[in-house]
Amino acid sequence: MSARDELKELAKGFRWGRRPLVPRSAEPYTEPRDDAGFPTDWARTKPAIAARRVILNAGMHPLVRAELSLRVYGLDQLTDATGPLIFFSNHSSHLDATLIMTSLPERWQKKTAVGAARDYFFDVWWRQAYTALAFAAFPIDRGRGGAAAIDKARELVDDGWSIVVFPEGTRSPDGHMQRFRHGASRLAIDLGIGLVPIAIVGAYQAMPKGRWWRSRSFSNASPRARRKPPAPKRCSICRSSSR
């Protein structure tokens, strides 16, 4: 066997993704292990912020514009708002965080971090690094109450960062909004900061759960943002339809 063939055989048996070997159905019966998790503070340093702006504004935003007819309304509601804030949104697609982050005005974009599911976005080293860098993301452990994530969110808010959370906890399987969990509202009350509701309409049709790229079917994706606590005004809406 040649050296090249030996390397191929070796590669077949290597766990490139480093995913856990324990089946999900067996996780409740396995002994917990100490896991320091993936560090994300580096993703909120000045060099990382500069890199993220390039990724979002020169990479993701043109790509979204090329594939979707994106319309954003109501960002004027954020003009006089003072941070930090908690942006919370319905969740039906992997496009959601990208739509929100590429639609935020510059002063909010560079100081906003996204809460991302630890078991999905922080399970493989390359996805950990990309998620942290592109979205200033911090991990949320959905299966263990998220206490560490709440502590991290408090730390970020104390440091002047706004955060994006998806209170449903996971993507909708059919595009319809699911029951919201209480973590975001409890955190806002405890910290005394404002909440900005965002509605995304059509992202499910553009890229539903189970797809890695947009569907060719028609879609209307729309993030709406409304500042709180003033009386309801025109909401921020972002509509998109696949071309």
C-alpha atoms as a PDB file:
ATOM      1  CA  MET A   1       0.000   0.000   0.000  1.00  0.00           C
ATOM      2  CA  SER A   2       1.376   3.381  -0.985  1.00  0.00           C
ATOM      3  CA  ALA A   3       1.777   6.268   1.458  1.00  0.00           C
ATOM      4  CA  ARG A   4      -1.111   8.045  -0.252  1.00  0.00           C
ATOM      5  CA  ASP A   5      -3.433   5.050   0.249  1.00  0.00           C
ATOM      6  CA  GLU A   6      -2.353   4.798   3.880  1.00  0.00           C
ATOM      7  CA  LEU A   7      -3.215   8.454   4.444  1.00  0.00           C
ATOM      8  CA  LYS A   8      -6.656   7.920   2.865  1.00  0.00           C
ATOM      9  CA  GLU A   9      -7.330   4.974   5.179  1.00  0.00           C
ATOM     10  CA  LEU A  10      -6.167   7.017   8.153  1.00  0.00           C
ATOM     11  CA  ALA A  11      -8.426   9.918   7.146  1.00  0.00           C
ATOM     12  CA  LYS A  12     -11.466   7.635   6.969  1.00  0.00           C
ATOM     13  CA  GLY A  13     -11.115   6.743  10.622  1.00  0.00           C
ATOM     14  CA  PHE A  14     -10.341  10.234  11.915  1.00  0.00           C
ATOM     15  CA  ARG A  15     -13.111  12.222  13.623  1.00  0.00           C
ATOM     16  CA  TRP A  16     -12.701  15.429  11.656  1.00  0.00           C
ATOM     17  CA  GLY A  17     -15.710  17.086  13.226  1.00  0.00           C
ATOM     18  CA  ARG A  18     -14.958  15.994  16.784  1.00  0.00           C
ATOM     19  CA  ARG A  19     -18.688  15.438  17.362  1.00  0.00           C
ATOM     20  CA  PRO A  20     -19.610  13.497  20.541  1.00  0.00           C
ATOM     21  CA  LEU A  21     -19.823   9.739  20.161  1.00  0.00           C
ATOM     22  CA  VAL A  22     -22.664   9.348  22.669  1.00  0.00           C
ATOM     23  CA  PRO A  23     -26.054   8.997  20.906  1.00  0.00           C
ATOM     24  CA  ARG A  24     -28.468  11.805  21.746  1.00  0.00           C
ATOM     25  CA  SER A  25     -30.972   9.299  23.137  1.00  0.00           C
ATOM     26  CA  ALA A  26     -28.348   8.130  25.637  1.00  0.00           C
ATOM     27  CA  GLU A  27     -27.211  11.582  26.789  1.00  0.00           C
ATOM     28  CA  PRO A  28     -29.626  11.740  29.784  1.00  0.00           C
ATOM     29  CA  TYR A  29     -28.029   8.555  31.166  1.00  0.00           C
ATOM     30  CA  THR A  30     -24.374   9.494  30.722  1.00  0.00           C
ATOM     31  CA  GLU A  31     -22.266  10.963  33.494  1.00  0.00           C
ATOM     32  CA  PRO A  32     -21.649  14.697  33.097  1.00  0.00           C
ATOM     33  CA  ARG A  33     -18.103  15.680  32.278  1.00  0.00           C
ATOM     34  CA  ASP A  34     -16.229  18.871  32.874  1.00  0.00           C
ATOM     35  CA  ASP A  35     -16.236  20.973  29.742  1.00  0.00           C
ATOM     36  CA  ALA A  36     -14.827  24.472  29.805  1.00  0.00           C
ATOM     37  CA  GLY A  37     -16.474  25.147  26.460  1.00  0.00           C
ATOM     38  CA  PHE A  38     -15.201  27.171  23.532  1.00  0.00           C
ATOM     39  CA  PRO A  39     -13.844  30.626  24.511  1.00  0.00           C
ATOM     40  CA  THR A  40     -15.574  33.465  22.674  1.00  0.00           C
ATOM     41  CA  ASP A  41     -14.244  36.630  24.326  1.00  0.00           C
ATOM     42  CA  TRP A  42     -11.635  36.971  21.575  1.00  0.00           C
ATOM     43  CA  ALA A  43     -14.486  37.423  19.068  1.00  0.00           C
ATOM     44  CA  ARG A  44     -15.411  40.726  20.719  1.00  0.00           C
ATOM     45  CA  THR A  45     -11.970  42.317  20.609  1.00  0.00           C
ATOM     46  CA  LYS A  46     -11.276  45.257  18.295  1.00  0.00           C
ATOM     47  CA  PRO A  47      -9.521  43.158  15.584  1.00  0.00           C
ATOM     48  CA  ALA A  48     -12.414  40.651  15.620  1.00  0.00           C
ATOM     49  CA  ILE A  49     -14.991  43.456  15.393  1.00  0.00           C
ATOM     50  CA  ALA A  50     -13.181  44.828  12.344  1.00  0.00           C
ATOM     51  CA  ALA A  51     -13.045  41.362  10.754  1.00  0.00           C
ATOM     52  CA  ARG A  52     -16.731  40.788  11.493  1.00  0.00           C
ATOM     53  CA  ARG A  53     -17.757  44.008   9.780  1.00  0.00           C
ATOM     54  CA  VAL A  54     -15.943  42.823   6.657  1.00  0.00           C
ATOM     55  CA  ILE A  55     -17.625  39.392   6.856  1.00  0.00           C
ATOM     56  CA  LEU A  56     -21.104  40.861   7.366  1.00  0.00           C
ATOM     57  CA  ASN A  57     -20.974  43.889   5.081  1.00  0.00           C
ATOM     58  CA  ALA A  58     -18.666  42.699   2.299  1.00  0.00           C
ATOM     59  CA  GLY A  59     -19.551  39.015   2.367  1.00  0.00           C
ATOM     60  CA  MET A  60     -22.908  38.071   3.841  1.00  0.00           C
ATOM     61  CA  HIS A  61     -24.908  41.186   2.960  1.00  0.00           C
ATOM     62  CA  PRO A  62     -24.095  41.155  -0.787  1.00  0.00           C
ATOM     63  CA  LEU A  63     -24.810  37.409  -0.864  1.00  0.00           C
ATOM     64  CA  VAL A  64     -28.189  37.865   0.803  1.00  0.00           C
ATOM     65  CA  ARG A  65     -29.018  40.732  -1.559  1.00  0.00           C
ATOM     66  CA  ALA A  66     -28.041  38.633  -4.568  1.00  0.00           C
ATOM     67  CA  GLU A  67     -30.216  35.676  -3.558  1.00  0.00           C
ATOM     68  CA  LEU A  68     -33.142  37.420  -1.853  1.00  0.00           C
ATOM     69  CA  SER A  69     -35.158  40.582  -2.366  1.00  0.00           C
ATOM     70  CA  LEU A  70     -34.493  42.012   1.073  1.00  0.00           C
ATOM     71  CA  ARG A  71     -36.536  44.938   2.375  1.00  0.00           C
ATOM     72  CA  VAL A  72     -35.952  46.508   5.778  1.00  0.00           C
ATOM     73  CA  TYR A  73     -38.339  48.970   7.423  1.00  0.00           C
ATOM     74  CA  GLY A  74     -38.419  50.869  10.693  1.00  0.00           C
ATOM     75  CA  LEU A  75     -34.738  51.081  11.566  1.00  0.00           C
ATOM     76  CA  ASP A  76     -35.439  54.725  12.388  1.00  0.00           C
ATOM     77  CA  GLN A  77     -36.947  53.408  15.635  1.00  0.00           C
ATOM     78  CA  LEU A  78     -33.379  52.649  16.751  1.00  0.00           C
ATOM     79  CA  THR A  79     -32.036  56.135  15.988  1.00  0.00           C
ATOM     80  CA  ASP A  80     -32.679  57.577  19.438  1.00  0.00           C
ATOM     81  CA  ALA A  81     -32.457  54.303  21.346  1.00  0.00           C
ATOM     82  CA  THR A  82     -29.702  53.867  23.887  1.00  0.00           C
ATOM     83  CA  GLY A  83     -28.062  50.542  24.498  1.00  0.00           C
ATOM     84  CA  PRO A  84     -27.518  47.957  25.484  1.00  0.00           C
ATOM     85  CA  LEU A  85     -30.705  46.271  24.286  1.00  0.00           C
ATOM     86  CA  ILE A  86     -31.992  42.740  23.892  1.00  0.00           C
ATOM     87  CA  PHE A  87     -33.130  41.987  20.340  1.00  0.00           C
ATOM     88  CA  PHE A  88     -35.450  38.980  20.318  1.00  0.00           C
ATOM     89  CA  SER A  89     -36.945  37.310  17.285  1.00  0.00           C
ATOM     90  CA  ASN A  90     -38.965  34.373  16.045  1.00  0.00           C
ATOM     91  CA  HIS A  91     -36.770  31.617  14.631  1.00  0.00           C
ATOM     92  CA  SER A  92     -37.521  29.538  11.544  1.00  0.00           C
ATOM     93  CA  SER A  93     -34.292  29.430   9.527  1.00  0.00           C
ATOM     94  CA  HIS A  94     -30.501  29.567   9.674  1.00  0.00           C
ATOM     95  CA  LEU A  95     -30.902  32.814   7.741  1.00  0.00           C
ATOM     96  CA  ASP A  96     -32.365  34.590  10.780  1.00  0.00           C
ATOM     97  CA  ALA A  97     -29.171  35.651  12.551  1.00  0.00           C
ATOM     98  CA  THR A  98     -27.609  36.719   9.256  1.00  0.00           C
ATOM     99  CA  LEU A  99     -30.667  38.789   8.292  1.00  0.00           C
ATOM    100  CA  ILE A 100     -30.691  40.533  11.658  1.00  0.00           C
ATOM    101  CA  MET A 101     -26.966  41.245  11.864  1.00  0.00           C
ATOM    102  CA  THR A 102     -26.660  42.486   8.276  1.00  0.00           C
ATOM    103  CA  SER A 103     -29.731  44.717   8.706  1.00  0.00           C
ATOM    104  CA  LEU A 104     -28.666  46.454  11.917  1.00  0.00           C
ATOM    105  CA  PRO A 105     -27.193  49.962  11.628  1.00  0.00           C
ATOM    106  CA  GLU A 106     -23.426  50.200  12.085  1.00  0.00           C
ATOM    107  CA  ARG A 107     -23.414  51.400  15.691  1.00  0.00           C
ATOM    108  CA  TRP A 108     -25.580  48.467  16.746  1.00  0.00           C
ATOM    109  CA  GLN A 109     -23.975  45.863  14.512  1.00  0.00           C
ATOM    110  CA  LYS A 110     -20.494  46.287  15.933  1.00  0.00           C
ATOM    111  CA  LYS A 111     -21.624  45.937  19.562  1.00  0.00           C
ATOM    112  CA  THR A 112     -24.233  43.164  19.266  1.00  0.00           C
ATOM    113  CA  ALA A 113     -23.665  39.490  20.105  1.00  0.00           C
ATOM    114  CA  VAL A 114     -25.875  36.554  19.133  1.00  0.00           C
ATOM    115  CA  GLY A 115     -26.820  33.715  21.465  1.00  0.00           C
ATOM    116  CA  ALA A 116     -26.321  30.422  19.588  1.00  0.00           C
ATOM    117  CA  ALA A 117     -27.151  26.824  20.481  1.00  0.00           C
ATOM    118  CA  ARG A 118     -24.105  25.185  21.994  1.00  0.00           C
ATOM    119  CA  ASP A 119     -25.013  21.657  20.883  1.00  0.00           C
ATOM    120  CA  TYR A 120     -25.162  22.739  17.231  1.00  0.00           C
ATOM    121  CA  PHE A 121     -22.954  25.775  16.621  1.00  0.00           C
ATOM    122  CA  PHE A 122     -20.315  25.007  19.237  1.00  0.00           C
ATOM    123  CA  ASP A 123     -19.798  21.282  18.696  1.00  0.00           C
ATOM    124  CA  VAL A 124     -17.180  21.358  15.916  1.00  0.00           C
ATOM    125  CA  TRP A 125     -14.033  23.463  16.141  1.00  0.00           C
ATOM    126  CA  TRP A 126     -14.390  25.161  12.728  1.00  0.00           C
ATOM    127  CA  ARG A 127     -18.065  25.976  13.301  1.00  0.00           C
ATOM    128  CA  GLN A 128     -17.258  27.265  16.780  1.00  0.00           C
ATOM    129  CA  ALA A 129     -14.659  29.660  15.399  1.00  0.00           C
ATOM    130  CA  TYR A 130     -16.795  30.848  12.480  1.00  0.00           C
ATOM    131  CA  THR A 131     -19.935  31.365  14.584  1.00  0.00           C
ATOM    132  CA  ALA A 132     -18.042  33.290  17.244  1.00  0.00           C
ATOM    133  CA  LEU A 133     -16.302  35.503  14.701  1.00  0.00           C
ATOM    134  CA  ALA A 134     -19.180  36.173  12.300  1.00  0.00           C
ATOM    135  CA  PHE A 135     -21.836  36.840  14.956  1.00  0.00           C
ATOM    136  CA  ALA A 136     -19.811  37.669  18.104  1.00  0.00           C
ATOM    137  CA  ALA A 137     -21.717  34.638  19.334  1.00  0.00           C
ATOM    138  CA  PHE A 138     -21.801  33.083  22.782  1.00  0.00           C
ATOM    139  CA  PRO A 139     -23.037  29.518  23.436  1.00  0.00           C
ATOM    140  CA  ILE A 140     -26.414  28.710  24.988  1.00  0.00           C
ATOM    141  CA  ASP A 141     -26.751  25.232  26.481  1.00  0.00           C
ATOM    142  CA  ARG A 142     -30.359  24.373  25.659  1.00  0.00           C
ATOM    143  CA  GLY A 143     -30.364  21.102  27.564  1.00  0.00           C
ATOM    144  CA  ARG A 144     -29.087  22.293  30.950  1.00  0.00           C
ATOM    145  CA  GLY A 145     -31.131  25.390  31.699  1.00  0.00           C
ATOM    146  CA  GLY A 146     -28.718  27.892  30.138  1.00  0.00           C
ATOM    147  CA  ALA A 147     -27.434  29.275  33.460  1.00  0.00           C
ATOM    148  CA  ALA A 148     -23.944  29.815  32.050  1.00  0.00           C
ATOM    149  CA  ALA A 149     -25.403  31.627  29.036  1.00  0.00           C
ATOM    150  CA  ILE A 150     -27.417  33.945  31.289  1.00  0.00           C
ATOM    151  CA  ASP A 151     -24.274  34.780  33.256  1.00  0.00           C
ATOM    152  CA  LYS A 152     -22.434  35.454  29.992  1.00  0.00           C
ATOM    153  CA  ALA A 153     -25.275  37.634  28.728  1.00  0.00           C
ATOM    154  CA  ARG A 154     -25.143  39.668  31.946  1.00  0.00           C
ATOM    155  CA  GLU A 155     -21.396  40.085  31.505  1.00  0.00           C
ATOM    156  CA  LEU A 156     -21.844  41.263  27.910  1.00  0.00           C
ATOM    157  CA  VAL A 157     -24.596  43.726  28.821  1.00  0.00           C
ATOM    158  CA  ASP A 158     -22.477  45.124  31.663  1.00  0.00           C
ATOM    159  CA  ASP A 159     -19.739  45.654  29.076  1.00  0.00           C
ATOM    160  CA  GLY A 160     -22.100  47.614  26.811  1.00  0.00           C
ATOM    161  CA  TRP A 161     -23.025  44.847  24.354  1.00  0.00           C
ATOM    162  CA  SER A 162     -26.529  44.304  23.042  1.00  0.00           C
ATOM    163  CA  ILE A 163     -27.571  40.707  22.458  1.00  0.00           C
ATOM    164  CA  VAL A 164     -29.757  38.787  20.012  1.00  0.00           C
ATOM    165  CA  VAL A 165     -31.755  35.834  21.314  1.00  0.00           C
ATOM    166  CA  PHE A 166     -34.360  33.489  19.876  1.00  0.00           C
ATOM    167  CA  PRO A 167     -36.816  32.751  22.726  1.00  0.00           C
ATOM    168  CA  GLU A 168     -38.323  29.752  20.923  1.00  0.00           C
ATOM    169  CA  GLY A 169     -35.040  27.961  21.588  1.00  0.00           C
ATOM    170  CA  THR A 170     -34.900  26.220  18.215  1.00  0.00           C
ATOM    171  CA  ARG A 171     -36.008  26.680  14.620  1.00  0.00           C
ATOM    172  CA  SER A 172     -39.676  26.179  13.861  1.00  0.00           C
ATOM    173  CA  PRO A 173     -40.233  22.891  11.998  1.00  0.00           C
ATOM    174  CA  ASP A 174     -43.125  24.315   9.947  1.00  0.00           C
ATOM    175  CA  GLY A 175     -42.566  28.092   9.883  1.00  0.00           C
ATOM    176  CA  HIS A 176     -45.176  28.831  12.551  1.00  0.00           C
ATOM    177  CA  MET A 177     -44.107  30.598  15.720  1.00  0.00           C
ATOM    178  CA  GLN A 178     -43.609  28.349  18.742  1.00  0.00           C
ATOM    179  CA  ARG A 179     -43.960  29.040  22.449  1.00  0.00           C
ATOM    180  CA  PHE A 180     -41.428  31.561  23.781  1.00  0.00           C
ATOM    181  CA  ARG A 181     -39.250  30.683  26.723  1.00  0.00           C
ATOM    182  CA  HIS A 182     -38.890  33.243  29.506  1.00  0.00           C
ATOM    183  CA  GLY A 183     -35.133  33.737  29.652  1.00  0.00           C
ATOM    184  CA  ALA A 184     -34.958  36.908  27.542  1.00  0.00           C
ATOM    185  CA  SER A 185     -37.763  38.707  29.377  1.00  0.00           C
ATOM    186  CA  ARG A 186     -36.414  37.669  32.785  1.00  0.00           C
ATOM    187  CA  LEU A 187     -32.953  38.880  31.822  1.00  0.00           C
ATOM    188  CA  ALA A 188     -34.320  42.227  30.590  1.00  0.00           C
ATOM    189  CA  ILE A 189     -36.248  42.744  33.831  1.00  0.00           C
ATOM    190  CA  ASP A 190     -33.277  41.790  36.004  1.00  0.00           C
ATOM    191  CA  LEU A 191     -30.900  44.095  34.115  1.00  0.00           C
ATOM    192  CA  GLY A 192     -33.395  46.899  33.528  1.00  0.00           C
ATOM    193  CA  ILE A 193     -32.714  47.186  29.793  1.00  0.00           C
ATOM    194  CA  GLY A 194     -35.047  47.501  26.803  1.00  0.00           C
ATOM    195  CA  LEU A 195     -36.352  44.774  24.533  1.00  0.00           C
ATOM    196  CA  VAL A 196     -36.584  45.112  20.747  1.00  0.00           C
ATOM    197  CA  PRO A 197     -39.004  42.625  19.181  1.00  0.00           C
ATOM    198  CA  ILE A 198     -38.141  41.473  15.667  1.00  0.00           C
ATOM    199  CA  ALA A 199     -40.469  39.559  13.344  1.00  0.00           C
ATOM    200  CA  ILE A 200     -38.941  37.594  10.477  1.00  0.00           C
ATOM    201  CA  VAL A 201     -41.446  36.570   7.823  1.00  0.00           C
ATOM    202  CA  GLY A 202     -40.511  34.321   4.915  1.00  0.00           C
ATOM    203  CA  ALA A 203     -37.104  33.048   6.001  1.00  0.00           C
ATOM    204  CA  TYR A 204     -38.631  29.604   6.476  1.00  0.00           C
ATOM    205  CA  GLN A 205     -39.737  29.538   2.827  1.00  0.00           C
ATOM    206  CA  ALA A 206     -36.315  30.799   1.734  1.00  0.00           C
ATOM    207  CA  MET A 207     -34.314  28.245   3.729  1.00  0.00           C
ATOM    208  CA  PRO A 208     -36.415  25.936   5.936  1.00  0.00           C
ATOM    209  CA  LYS A 209     -35.097  23.627   8.619  1.00  0.00           C
ATOM    210  CA  GLY A 210     -33.149  20.777   7.025  1.00  0.00           C
ATOM    211  CA  ARG A 211     -31.764  22.823   4.105  1.00  0.00           C
ATOM    212  CA  TRP A 212     -28.286  24.326   3.847  1.00  0.00           C
ATOM    213  CA  TRP A 213     -29.123  26.826   1.133  1.00  0.00           C
ATOM    214  CA  ARG A 214     -32.175  28.732   0.040  1.00  0.00           C
ATOM    215  CA  SER A 215     -35.211  27.051  -1.463  1.00  0.00           C
ATOM    216  CA  ARG A 216     -36.246  28.067  -4.953  1.00  0.00           C
ATOM    217  CA  SER A 217     -39.811  28.597  -3.770  1.00  0.00           C
ATOM    218  CA  PHE A 218     -41.108  32.144  -3.243  1.00  0.00           C
ATOM    219  CA  SER A 219     -40.490  33.677   0.164  1.00  0.00           C
ATOM    220  CA  ASN A 220     -41.119  36.888   2.100  1.00  0.00           C
ATOM    221  CA  ALA A 221     -38.636  37.324   4.951  1.00  0.00           C
ATOM    222  CA  SER A 222     -39.166  40.278   7.251  1.00  0.00           C
ATOM    223  CA  PRO A 223     -37.430  41.320  10.496  1.00  0.00           C
ATOM    224  CA  ARG A 224     -39.516  43.907  12.356  1.00  0.00           C
ATOM    225  CA  ALA A 225     -38.027  45.881  15.185  1.00  0.00           C
ATOM    226  CA  ARG A 226     -39.921  48.038  17.623  1.00  0.00           C
ATOM    227  CA  ARG A 227     -38.350  49.905  20.473  1.00  0.00           C
ATOM    228  CA  LYS A 228     -39.650  49.401  23.988  1.00  0.00           C
ATOM    229  CA  PRO A 229     -41.048  50.970  26.185  1.00  0.00           C
ATOM    230  CA  PRO A 230     -42.540  53.785  23.970  1.00  0.00           C
ATOM    231  CA  ALA A 231     -46.031  53.317  22.539  1.00  0.00           C
ATOM    232  CA  PRO A 232     -46.181  51.113  19.420  1.00  0.00           C
ATOM    233  CA  LYS A 233     -45.063  52.836  16.262  1.00  0.00           C
ATOM    234  CA  ARG A 234     -44.198  51.614  12.780  1.00  0.00           C
ATOM    235  CA  CYS A 235     -42.242  48.390  13.107  1.00  0.00           C
ATOM    236  CA  SER A 236     -38.960  47.493  11.506  1.00  0.00           C
ATOM    237  CA  ILE A 237     -39.652  44.982   8.735  1.00  0.00           C
ATOM    238  CA  CYS A 238     -37.285  43.226   6.426  1.00  0.00           C
ATOM    239  CA  ARG A 239     -38.942  41.426   3.541  1.00  0.00           C
ATOM    240  CA  SER A 240     -37.119  39.041   1.249  1.00  0.00           C
ATOM    241  CA  SER A 241     -38.147  36.895  -1.653  1.00  0.00           C
ATOM    242  CA  SER A 242     -35.909  34.397  -3.413  1.00  0.00           C
ATOM    243  CA  ARG A 243     -35.043  35.196  -6.980  1.00  0.00           C
END
